[in-house]
Amino acid sequence: MITPGQTVGFGGFTVSGFPKAISVALGERAAQSDFRIRGFCVTSGPTVETALAGVLSFRCPYQANARTRALINSGEVEFLDVHLSHLTQALRYGFLGPMHWAIVEAADITPDGGIVLTSGVGAAPTFCAVAERILIELNRCQPAALHGMHDIYSPADPPHRREIPIYRPSDRIGETLLRVDPAKIAGVVESEREDDGVVFDPPSDITRRIGWNVAEFLARELRAGRIPPGFLPVQSGVGDVANSVLEAIGDHPEIPAFEMYTEVVQDAVVRLMMAGRVRFASCCSLTVSSEMRREVYGNLDWFRSRMVLRPQEITNHPEVVRRLGIISLNTALEVDIFGNVNSTHVLGSHMMNGIGGSGDFTRNAYLSIFTCPSTAKGGRISCIVPMTTHTDHSEHSVQVIATEWGVADLRGQPPRKRASLIIENCAHPDYRDALRAYLRFAADGHTPHTLDEAFSFHQRYIRTGDMRLGRAAVQK
């Protein structure tokens, strides 16, 4: 049914809720012929990503797969990196062209075309609304009892758009089913394929220290009255650092039980929910390990009153994020001394994964925090640099930087003071002298830079394999 060159929207978000059997079949078809399609999807598990890597000639808006990354950076796959909250409205407005197919995973289907989505919603509602035809993958590994976990709502388009009536993370404003036109359903494929589980590394000394620094900073904000006594909803990015930060916040004796309004629920969130430290979690995807998924699915009645799965346009919507007063916690690849953040590109040119939803939250949060280790590659790379080689989040949106060495609170600080705070509180000691020297020599201007030396750290790494002065790595 799907012909070469057509555009396909795949439901799901991260490893969860992705149509697996159809995606793998598309990969097998591409391996046997010159079959390529254009795809809109927010990553997936390793099995599906490996299959789709050979299928997609164009991809948007996010990926997290080594093979796909290599194809993007070689130019063999075109990649459009956009804010997740912008994707669905751009499709509805017609900015991104027609969509021929929507493929979504279902736990159940009602006779009138109601779809019980599975563990990840993503952009499935919009894909089904704008696509010419729909394929449903009915996955028997996903329990029909997921019915009731979802809140499916799509905002109106301009010029008659009203506010999105979410005033607390637990507010439900839509339907538990995804309603589609039955006439658009071209077929139903039954499958029994589990989601790939996320594998998290155990907390390291560095991630624990980052987590403690963030938790202690938030506790100080509570003491100072800059965070209300009942705390504020929290958004968290994906990964090991994010898990460590959340666990530290949950363990801190001065921080009360709190709510989440975020993209993904990870293992740390589920553990905090079961411990009574997270009261409610609004998310787009259940991005957990296989063991944690079994825990949730085995207790759906308990979680149904404490968790809701929404479309990514709603979880990431700037209006809602601003209204709720979110504390955003996201991870950086590198940060420069003035507070600009690169979260997508290695050495300025090579795509890592994509911006995802980090910008949606950062630009609209009550308090925007970025975390990262101070170094990478065994200390050969400083994550604090004179100038970022690519900027995703500018100094105008970034309020707080945290590494294992400390926290730089940039609120209300002009550029030179921001630079001193970041160098002294966040940079690794091996790099502080070089960063101080850069700031000292770049003496002119409101935001002082020496263009000849702005990328000296990166150039040194390319030449020697080590950003530190006077060192050459054994292995680049």
Protein backbone atom coordinates (compact mmCIF):
# COMPACT_ATOMS: atom_id res chain seq x y z
CA MET A 1 0.00 0.00 0.00
CA ILE A 2 2.81 2.44 0.85
CA THR A 3 4.61 3.61 -2.28
CA PRO A 4 8.12 5.08 -2.67
CA GLY A 5 8.44 8.77 -1.88
CA GLN A 6 5.30 8.97 0.25
CA THR A 7 5.27 10.70 3.63
CA VAL A 8 4.46 8.63 6.72
CA GLY A 9 3.82 9.72 10.30
CA PHE A 10 4.71 7.09 12.89
CA GLY A 11 2.94 7.28 16.25
CA GLY A 12 4.72 6.78 19.56
CA PHE A 13 7.42 8.64 21.42
CA THR A 14 10.93 7.43 22.28
CA VAL A 15 10.89 3.64 22.68
CA SER A 16 7.20 3.59 23.57
CA GLY A 17 4.06 3.21 21.49
CA PHE A 18 5.90 2.87 18.20
CA PRO A 19 4.36 0.62 15.51
CA LYS A 20 6.94 -2.13 15.38
CA ALA A 21 5.77 -4.91 13.04
CA ILE A 22 4.95 -2.53 10.18
CA SER A 23 8.18 -0.58 10.66
CA VAL A 24 10.27 -3.75 10.56
CA ALA A 25 8.40 -4.90 7.44
CA LEU A 26 9.17 -1.57 5.78
CA GLY A 27 12.84 -2.08 6.65
CA GLU A 28 12.83 -5.56 5.12
CA ARG A 29 11.25 -4.17 1.97
CA ALA A 30 13.87 -1.43 1.71
CA ALA A 31 16.67 -3.97 2.15
CA GLN A 32 15.44 -5.82 -0.96
CA SER A 33 14.71 -2.84 -3.21
CA ASP A 34 15.28 0.86 -3.77
CA PHE A 35 12.36 1.76 -1.52
CA ARG A 36 12.53 5.02 0.42
CA ILE A 37 9.91 7.14 2.14
CA ARG A 38 9.78 10.38 4.13
CA GLY A 39 9.13 9.90 7.84
CA PHE A 40 7.94 11.93 10.81
CA CYS A 41 8.75 10.17 14.07
CA VAL A 42 10.21 10.85 17.52
CA THR A 43 12.87 8.12 17.77
CA SER A 44 11.98 4.55 18.80
CA GLY A 45 13.63 1.43 20.14
CA PRO A 46 16.79 -0.10 18.65
CA THR A 47 14.89 -2.76 16.68
CA VAL A 48 12.70 -0.28 14.84
CA GLU A 49 15.40 2.38 14.49
CA THR A 50 17.70 -0.10 12.79
CA ALA A 51 14.92 -1.04 10.37
CA LEU A 52 13.92 2.55 9.59
CA ALA A 53 17.51 3.71 9.09
CA GLY A 54 17.47 2.11 5.64
CA VAL A 55 13.95 3.29 4.78
CA LEU A 56 13.81 7.02 5.44
CA SER A 57 15.26 9.51 2.97
CA PHE A 58 13.95 12.37 5.13
CA ARG A 59 13.34 12.43 8.86
CA CYS A 60 11.81 14.85 11.33
CA PRO A 61 11.86 15.84 14.21
CA TYR A 62 14.16 13.67 16.41
CA GLN A 63 16.32 10.56 16.40
CA ALA A 64 18.64 8.71 18.75
CA ASN A 65 20.21 5.93 16.73
CA ALA A 66 23.86 5.53 15.75
CA ARG A 67 23.20 4.32 12.21
CA THR A 68 20.61 7.02 11.52
CA ARG A 69 22.98 9.61 13.00
CA ALA A 70 25.75 8.51 10.64
CA LEU A 71 23.42 8.71 7.62
CA ILE A 72 22.27 12.19 8.63
CA ASN A 73 25.80 13.48 9.11
CA SER A 74 26.95 11.99 5.80
CA GLY A 75 24.08 13.72 4.00
CA GLU A 76 22.40 10.48 2.92
CA VAL A 77 19.33 11.26 5.04
CA GLU A 78 17.84 14.74 5.22
CA PHE A 79 16.99 15.71 8.79
CA LEU A 80 14.75 18.56 9.92
CA ASP A 81 15.35 19.43 13.58
CA VAL A 82 12.36 21.27 15.05
CA HIS A 83 10.85 21.99 18.46
CA LEU A 84 8.43 19.19 19.30
CA SER A 85 5.65 21.60 20.20
CA HIS A 86 5.97 23.17 16.73
CA LEU A 87 5.82 19.97 14.68
CA THR A 88 2.12 19.20 14.85
CA GLN A 89 0.90 22.72 14.24
CA ALA A 90 3.28 23.04 11.26
CA LEU A 91 1.74 19.87 9.81
CA ARG A 92 -1.82 21.12 10.36
CA TYR A 93 -0.96 24.52 8.84
CA GLY A 94 0.37 22.77 5.73
CA PHE A 95 3.92 24.08 6.19
CA LEU A 96 5.49 20.63 5.82
CA GLY A 97 3.54 19.29 2.87
CA PRO A 98 0.98 16.48 2.66
CA MET A 99 1.04 13.34 4.79
CA HIS A 100 -0.02 10.21 3.00
CA TRP A 101 -0.05 7.72 5.85
CA ALA A 102 -0.34 7.63 9.62
CA ILE A 103 0.73 4.42 11.33
CA VAL A 104 -0.18 4.06 15.00
CA GLU A 105 0.05 1.35 17.62
CA ALA A 106 -3.13 0.42 19.49
CA ALA A 107 -3.90 -1.60 22.60
CA ASP A 108 -7.54 -1.85 21.51
CA ILE A 109 -9.96 -0.54 18.86
CA THR A 110 -13.64 0.30 19.27
CA PRO A 111 -16.18 -0.46 16.50
CA ASP A 112 -16.58 3.24 15.64
CA GLY A 113 -12.86 3.83 15.09
CA GLY A 114 -11.79 4.77 18.61
CA ILE A 115 -8.17 3.83 19.23
CA VAL A 116 -6.78 3.00 22.66
CA LEU A 117 -3.18 4.12 22.26
CA THR A 118 -0.35 2.35 24.05
CA SER A 119 2.61 3.59 26.10
CA GLY A 120 3.55 6.60 23.97
CA VAL A 121 1.29 9.16 22.31
CA GLY A 122 3.68 11.48 20.48
CA ALA A 123 2.05 13.20 17.52
CA ALA A 124 -0.35 10.34 16.70
CA PRO A 125 -3.54 12.49 16.97
CA THR A 126 -2.27 15.04 14.46
CA PHE A 127 -0.80 12.41 12.14
CA CYS A 128 -4.18 10.66 12.00
CA ALA A 129 -6.01 13.95 11.47
CA VAL A 130 -3.89 15.15 8.54
CA ALA A 131 -3.00 11.83 6.88
CA GLU A 132 -4.92 10.60 3.88
CA ARG A 133 -5.02 7.02 5.18
CA ILE A 134 -4.32 5.23 8.46
CA LEU A 135 -2.79 1.87 9.34
CA ILE A 136 -3.28 0.52 12.86
CA GLU A 137 -0.96 -1.97 14.50
CA LEU A 138 -2.98 -3.77 17.16
CA ASN A 139 -0.37 -5.01 19.61
CA ARG A 140 -1.53 -7.82 21.89
CA CYS A 141 1.47 -7.21 24.18
CA GLN A 142 -0.09 -3.90 25.16
CA PRO A 143 -2.98 -4.37 27.63
CA ALA A 144 -6.42 -3.12 26.65
CA ALA A 145 -6.60 -1.91 30.27
CA LEU A 146 -4.48 1.07 29.17
CA HIS A 147 -7.85 2.58 28.27
CA GLY A 148 -8.24 5.54 30.62
CA MET A 149 -4.54 6.40 30.84
CA HIS A 150 -4.71 8.89 27.95
CA ASP A 151 -6.01 12.42 27.56
CA ILE A 152 -6.25 13.18 23.84
CA TYR A 153 -6.77 16.84 23.01
CA SER A 154 -5.85 18.98 20.00
CA PRO A 155 -6.00 22.79 20.10
CA ALA A 156 -7.90 24.76 17.49
CA ASP A 157 -5.95 26.54 14.78
CA PRO A 158 -5.76 30.34 14.49
CA PRO A 159 -7.50 32.74 14.34
CA HIS A 160 -10.07 31.31 16.78
CA ARG A 161 -7.77 29.50 19.16
CA ARG A 162 -8.71 29.46 22.84
CA GLU A 163 -6.49 28.77 25.82
CA ILE A 164 -5.63 25.15 26.61
CA PRO A 165 -7.55 24.66 29.88
CA ILE A 166 -4.86 22.91 31.90
CA TYR A 167 -4.33 24.61 35.26
CA ARG A 168 -2.86 21.65 37.17
CA PRO A 169 -0.81 18.70 35.86
CA SER A 170 -3.67 16.35 36.77
CA ASP A 171 -6.34 18.21 34.75
CA ARG A 172 -7.94 16.10 32.03
CA ILE A 173 -9.38 18.05 29.11
CA GLY A 174 -9.81 15.58 26.25
CA GLU A 175 -10.88 12.00 25.52
CA THR A 176 -9.43 8.69 26.61
CA LEU A 177 -9.60 7.46 23.00
CA LEU A 178 -8.05 8.73 19.80
CA ARG A 179 -11.02 9.30 17.49
CA VAL A 180 -10.40 8.85 13.78
CA ASP A 181 -12.57 8.65 10.68
CA PRO A 182 -13.15 4.91 10.13
CA ALA A 183 -13.24 5.51 6.37
CA LYS A 184 -9.54 6.48 6.51
CA ILE A 185 -8.46 3.19 8.12
CA ALA A 186 -6.88 1.15 5.34
CA GLY A 187 -5.95 -1.85 7.46
CA VAL A 188 -5.24 -3.36 10.86
CA VAL A 189 -2.13 -5.44 11.49
CA GLU A 190 -2.04 -7.60 14.61
CA SER A 191 1.29 -8.03 16.38
CA GLU A 192 2.85 -9.25 19.59
CA ARG A 193 6.03 -7.21 19.93
CA GLU A 194 7.05 -5.64 23.21
CA ASP A 195 8.57 -2.18 23.40
CA ASP A 196 12.34 -2.17 23.65
CA GLY A 197 13.17 -1.40 27.26
CA VAL A 198 15.39 1.53 28.09
CA VAL A 199 18.66 0.53 29.74
CA PHE A 200 19.89 3.01 32.34
CA ASP A 201 23.39 2.97 33.77
CA PRO A 202 23.61 2.95 37.56
CA PRO A 203 24.28 6.39 39.06
CA SER A 204 27.94 7.37 39.02
CA ASP A 205 29.74 9.60 41.47
CA ILE A 206 29.52 12.44 38.93
CA THR A 207 25.80 12.09 38.23
CA ARG A 208 25.09 11.84 41.97
CA ARG A 209 27.02 15.06 42.60
CA ILE A 210 25.16 16.82 39.79
CA GLY A 211 21.88 15.63 41.26
CA TRP A 212 22.80 16.78 44.76
CA ASN A 213 23.89 20.19 43.51
CA VAL A 214 20.56 20.71 41.72
CA ALA A 215 18.51 19.45 44.67
CA GLU A 216 20.39 21.65 47.13
CA PHE A 217 19.96 24.67 44.84
CA LEU A 218 16.21 24.08 44.69
CA ALA A 219 16.08 23.68 48.46
CA ARG A 220 17.80 27.07 48.82
CA GLU A 221 15.23 28.59 46.48
CA LEU A 222 12.51 27.17 48.73
CA ARG A 223 14.13 28.68 51.80
CA ALA A 224 14.41 32.04 50.07
CA GLY A 225 10.75 32.00 49.10
CA ARG A 226 11.45 32.07 45.37
CA ILE A 227 9.73 28.68 45.01
CA PRO A 228 6.30 28.33 46.70
CA PRO A 229 6.18 26.10 49.80
CA GLY A 230 4.21 23.45 47.92
CA PHE A 231 6.90 23.39 45.21
CA LEU A 232 6.29 23.60 41.44
CA PRO A 233 5.76 21.02 38.68
CA VAL A 234 8.98 19.55 37.29
CA GLN A 235 9.98 18.72 33.73
CA SER A 236 12.95 16.46 33.12
CA GLY A 237 14.85 15.38 30.05
CA VAL A 238 15.94 11.85 29.23
CA GLY A 239 19.00 9.92 30.38
CA ASP A 240 21.21 8.90 33.27
CA VAL A 241 21.91 12.44 34.47
CA ALA A 242 18.18 13.22 34.43
CA ASN A 243 17.42 10.12 36.49
CA SER A 244 20.09 11.02 39.04
CA VAL A 245 18.80 14.59 39.35
CA LEU A 246 15.23 13.43 39.88
CA GLU A 247 16.28 10.88 42.48
CA ALA A 248 18.27 13.55 44.34
CA ILE A 249 15.29 15.92 44.32
CA GLY A 250 13.06 13.13 45.58
CA ASP A 251 15.51 12.24 48.34
CA HIS A 252 16.11 15.78 49.57
CA PRO A 253 14.46 16.18 53.01
CA GLU A 254 13.53 19.84 52.43
CA ILE A 255 11.77 19.33 49.11
CA PRO A 256 8.12 18.29 49.46
CA ALA A 257 6.34 15.73 47.30
CA PHE A 258 5.82 17.30 43.88
CA GLU A 259 4.12 16.84 40.51
CA MET A 260 5.60 16.30 37.05
CA TYR A 261 4.54 17.99 33.82
CA THR A 262 7.00 16.56 31.35
CA GLU A 263 7.58 14.68 28.10
CA VAL A 264 8.71 11.33 29.43
CA VAL A 265 8.32 9.36 32.61
CA GLN A 266 11.49 7.39 33.33
CA ASP A 267 12.30 4.75 35.95
CA ALA A 268 13.22 7.35 38.56
CA VAL A 269 9.80 8.97 38.30
CA VAL A 270 7.96 5.68 38.73
CA ARG A 271 10.05 4.84 41.79
CA LEU A 272 9.32 8.26 43.28
CA MET A 273 5.61 7.80 42.57
CA MET A 274 5.57 4.48 44.39
CA ALA A 275 7.44 6.09 47.29
CA GLY A 276 4.88 8.92 47.49
CA ARG A 277 7.43 11.56 46.46
CA VAL A 278 5.81 12.30 43.07
CA ARG A 279 2.10 12.87 43.50
CA PHE A 280 1.13 12.97 39.83
CA ALA A 281 2.88 12.72 36.44
CA SER A 282 1.60 14.18 33.18
CA CYS A 283 3.66 12.97 30.23
CA CYS A 284 3.73 11.96 26.60
CA SER A 285 5.49 8.64 26.97
CA LEU A 286 6.29 5.91 29.46
CA THR A 287 10.02 5.61 28.69
CA VAL A 288 11.10 2.96 31.17
CA SER A 289 13.04 -0.26 31.47
CA SER A 290 11.31 -3.56 30.72
CA GLU A 291 11.17 -4.37 34.43
CA MET A 292 9.55 -1.05 35.28
CA ARG A 293 7.03 -1.40 32.44
CA ARG A 294 5.92 -4.73 33.89
CA GLU A 295 5.53 -3.03 37.28
CA VAL A 296 3.31 -0.31 35.82
CA TYR A 297 1.25 -2.66 33.65
CA GLY A 298 0.72 -4.95 36.60
CA ASN A 299 -0.75 -2.07 38.63
CA LEU A 300 -2.61 -0.01 36.04
CA ASP A 301 -5.55 0.69 38.34
CA TRP A 302 -3.16 2.37 40.82
CA PHE A 303 -1.26 4.33 38.18
CA ARG A 304 -4.34 5.41 36.24
CA SER A 305 -5.24 7.91 38.96
CA ARG A 306 -1.65 9.18 39.21
CA MET A 307 -0.51 9.43 35.59
CA VAL A 308 -1.83 10.70 32.28
CA LEU A 309 -0.45 10.30 28.75
CA ARG A 310 -0.99 13.27 26.42
CA PRO A 311 0.00 14.33 22.88
CA GLN A 312 3.41 15.99 22.63
CA GLU A 313 1.83 19.26 21.50
CA ILE A 314 0.08 19.50 24.88
CA THR A 315 2.88 18.25 27.14
CA ASN A 316 5.27 20.72 25.49
CA HIS A 317 2.92 23.59 24.83
CA PRO A 318 4.54 26.95 25.73
CA GLU A 319 1.27 28.38 27.03
CA VAL A 320 0.77 25.54 29.52
CA VAL A 321 4.43 25.46 30.55
CA ARG A 322 4.34 29.19 31.31
CA ARG A 323 1.02 28.99 33.16
CA LEU A 324 1.99 26.08 35.41
CA GLY A 325 5.36 27.56 36.39
CA ILE A 326 7.50 24.61 35.38
CA ILE A 327 10.98 23.91 36.76
CA SER A 328 12.73 22.60 33.64
CA LEU A 329 15.71 20.23 33.91
CA ASN A 330 17.53 19.48 30.66
CA THR A 331 20.95 18.22 29.63
CA ALA A 332 23.57 20.10 27.60
CA LEU A 333 26.37 18.82 25.38
CA GLU A 334 28.35 21.98 26.01
CA VAL A 335 27.83 25.37 27.63
CA ASP A 336 29.81 28.50 26.97
CA ILE A 337 30.97 30.95 29.62
CA PHE A 338 28.09 33.32 28.90
CA GLY A 339 25.35 30.72 29.31
CA ASN A 340 24.61 29.67 25.73
CA VAL A 341 23.81 25.97 25.44
CA ASN A 342 24.51 23.49 22.65
CA SER A 343 22.37 20.40 23.03
CA THR A 344 22.45 18.98 19.50
CA HIS A 345 25.75 19.25 17.59
CA VAL A 346 29.22 17.79 18.14
CA LEU A 347 31.97 20.24 17.12
CA GLY A 348 29.35 22.48 15.59
CA SER A 349 28.48 20.33 12.59
CA HIS A 350 27.61 16.74 13.50
CA MET A 351 24.06 16.11 14.70
CA MET A 352 23.73 14.06 17.86
CA ASN A 353 19.98 13.53 18.41
CA GLY A 354 18.05 16.78 17.94
CA ILE A 355 16.61 19.56 20.05
CA GLY A 356 13.51 17.58 21.00
CA GLY A 357 11.38 19.41 23.53
CA SER A 358 14.13 21.08 25.54
CA GLY A 359 13.53 24.46 23.93
CA ASP A 360 9.78 24.29 24.51
CA PHE A 361 10.40 24.12 28.24
CA THR A 362 13.55 26.23 28.54
CA ARG A 363 12.07 29.31 26.90
CA ASN A 364 8.91 29.21 28.97
CA ALA A 365 9.91 27.74 32.32
CA TYR A 366 9.59 29.44 35.69
CA LEU A 367 13.13 28.24 36.28
CA SER A 368 15.26 26.77 33.48
CA ILE A 369 18.18 24.57 34.56
CA PHE A 370 20.75 22.82 32.37
CA THR A 371 22.96 20.04 33.68
CA CYS A 372 26.04 18.31 32.30
CA PRO A 373 29.28 16.78 33.55
CA SER A 374 32.09 19.33 33.43
CA THR A 375 34.14 17.10 31.12
CA ALA A 376 33.73 14.22 28.67
CA LYS A 377 35.99 11.58 27.09
CA GLY A 378 37.97 11.02 30.26
CA GLY A 379 38.64 14.72 30.76
CA ARG A 380 39.88 15.35 27.22
CA ILE A 381 36.82 17.49 26.42
CA SER A 382 35.62 20.41 28.51
CA CYS A 383 31.85 20.81 28.45
CA ILE A 384 32.39 24.45 29.50
CA VAL A 385 33.93 26.33 26.56
CA PRO A 386 34.60 29.93 25.51
CA MET A 387 31.94 29.79 22.78
CA THR A 388 29.53 27.02 21.85
CA THR A 389 30.04 25.64 18.37
CA HIS A 390 26.26 25.53 17.92
CA THR A 391 23.61 27.32 19.97
CA ASP A 392 20.21 25.78 20.68
CA HIS A 393 19.35 27.71 23.85
CA SER A 394 20.63 31.24 24.13
CA GLU A 395 21.77 33.11 27.23
CA HIS A 396 18.38 34.86 27.20
CA SER A 397 16.60 31.63 28.15
CA VAL A 398 19.15 29.76 30.27
CA GLN A 399 18.96 30.66 33.95
CA VAL A 400 20.98 28.03 35.83
CA ILE A 401 23.91 25.75 34.94
CA ALA A 402 24.86 22.78 37.13
CA THR A 403 27.79 20.36 36.91
CA GLU A 404 29.36 18.05 39.48
CA TRP A 405 31.41 21.02 40.73
CA GLY A 406 28.56 23.35 41.55
CA VAL A 407 25.79 25.64 40.34
CA ALA A 408 25.94 28.95 38.48
CA ASP A 409 22.80 31.04 39.05
CA LEU A 410 22.79 33.39 36.08
CA ARG A 411 19.56 35.25 36.84
CA GLY A 412 20.03 39.00 36.81
CA GLN A 413 23.73 38.77 35.95
CA PRO A 414 25.38 40.68 33.09
CA PRO A 415 27.70 38.77 30.72
CA ARG A 416 31.03 39.20 32.54
CA LYS A 417 29.58 38.12 35.88
CA ARG A 418 27.85 35.19 34.20
CA ALA A 419 31.20 34.12 32.80
CA SER A 420 32.92 34.28 36.19
CA LEU A 421 30.12 32.31 37.86
CA ILE A 422 30.23 29.56 35.26
CA ILE A 423 34.02 29.29 35.27
CA GLU A 424 34.41 29.26 39.06
CA ASN A 425 31.36 27.12 39.90
CA CYS A 426 30.92 24.74 36.98
CA ALA A 427 34.13 24.28 34.97
CA HIS A 428 36.55 21.46 35.76
CA PRO A 429 39.69 22.68 37.58
CA ASP A 430 41.84 21.47 34.67
CA TYR A 431 40.23 24.08 32.44
CA ARG A 432 39.60 27.02 34.74
CA ASP A 433 42.92 28.78 34.13
CA ALA A 434 42.46 28.63 30.36
CA LEU A 435 38.89 29.92 30.63
CA ARG A 436 39.98 32.73 32.96
CA ALA A 437 42.74 33.67 30.53
CA TYR A 438 40.28 33.76 27.64
CA LEU A 439 37.96 36.07 29.55
CA ARG A 440 40.88 38.26 30.58
CA PHE A 441 42.31 38.59 27.07
CA ALA A 442 38.88 39.10 25.47
CA ALA A 443 38.57 42.40 27.26
CA ASP A 444 36.50 44.48 24.85
CA GLY A 445 32.75 44.59 24.38
CA HIS A 446 29.60 43.95 26.35
CA THR A 447 30.02 40.22 25.73
CA PRO A 448 33.80 39.95 25.37
CA HIS A 449 35.09 37.49 22.80
CA THR A 450 38.34 37.07 20.90
CA LEU A 451 37.27 35.60 17.59
CA ASP A 452 40.70 34.16 16.87
CA GLU A 453 40.52 32.14 20.09
CA ALA A 454 36.77 31.57 20.53
CA PHE A 455 37.01 27.98 19.27
CA SER A 456 40.58 27.33 20.44
CA PHE A 457 39.43 24.51 22.77
CA HIS A 458 37.73 22.71 19.88
CA GLN A 459 40.60 23.31 17.48
CA ARG A 460 43.07 21.94 20.02
CA TYR A 461 40.93 18.81 20.42
CA ILE A 462 40.81 18.29 16.64
CA ARG A 463 44.62 18.62 16.45
CA THR A 464 45.64 16.65 19.53
CA GLY A 465 42.63 14.78 20.87
CA ASP A 466 42.66 16.81 24.10
CA MET A 467 41.29 20.28 24.87
CA ARG A 468 43.80 20.81 27.69
CA LEU A 469 46.86 22.91 26.99
CA GLY A 470 50.06 20.94 26.54
CA ARG A 471 48.36 17.55 26.36
CA ALA A 472 47.87 15.14 23.50
CA ALA A 473 45.60 12.17 23.95
CA VAL A 474 46.86 8.67 23.33
CA GLN A 475 43.64 7.97 21.43
CA LYS A 476 41.57 10.67 19.77
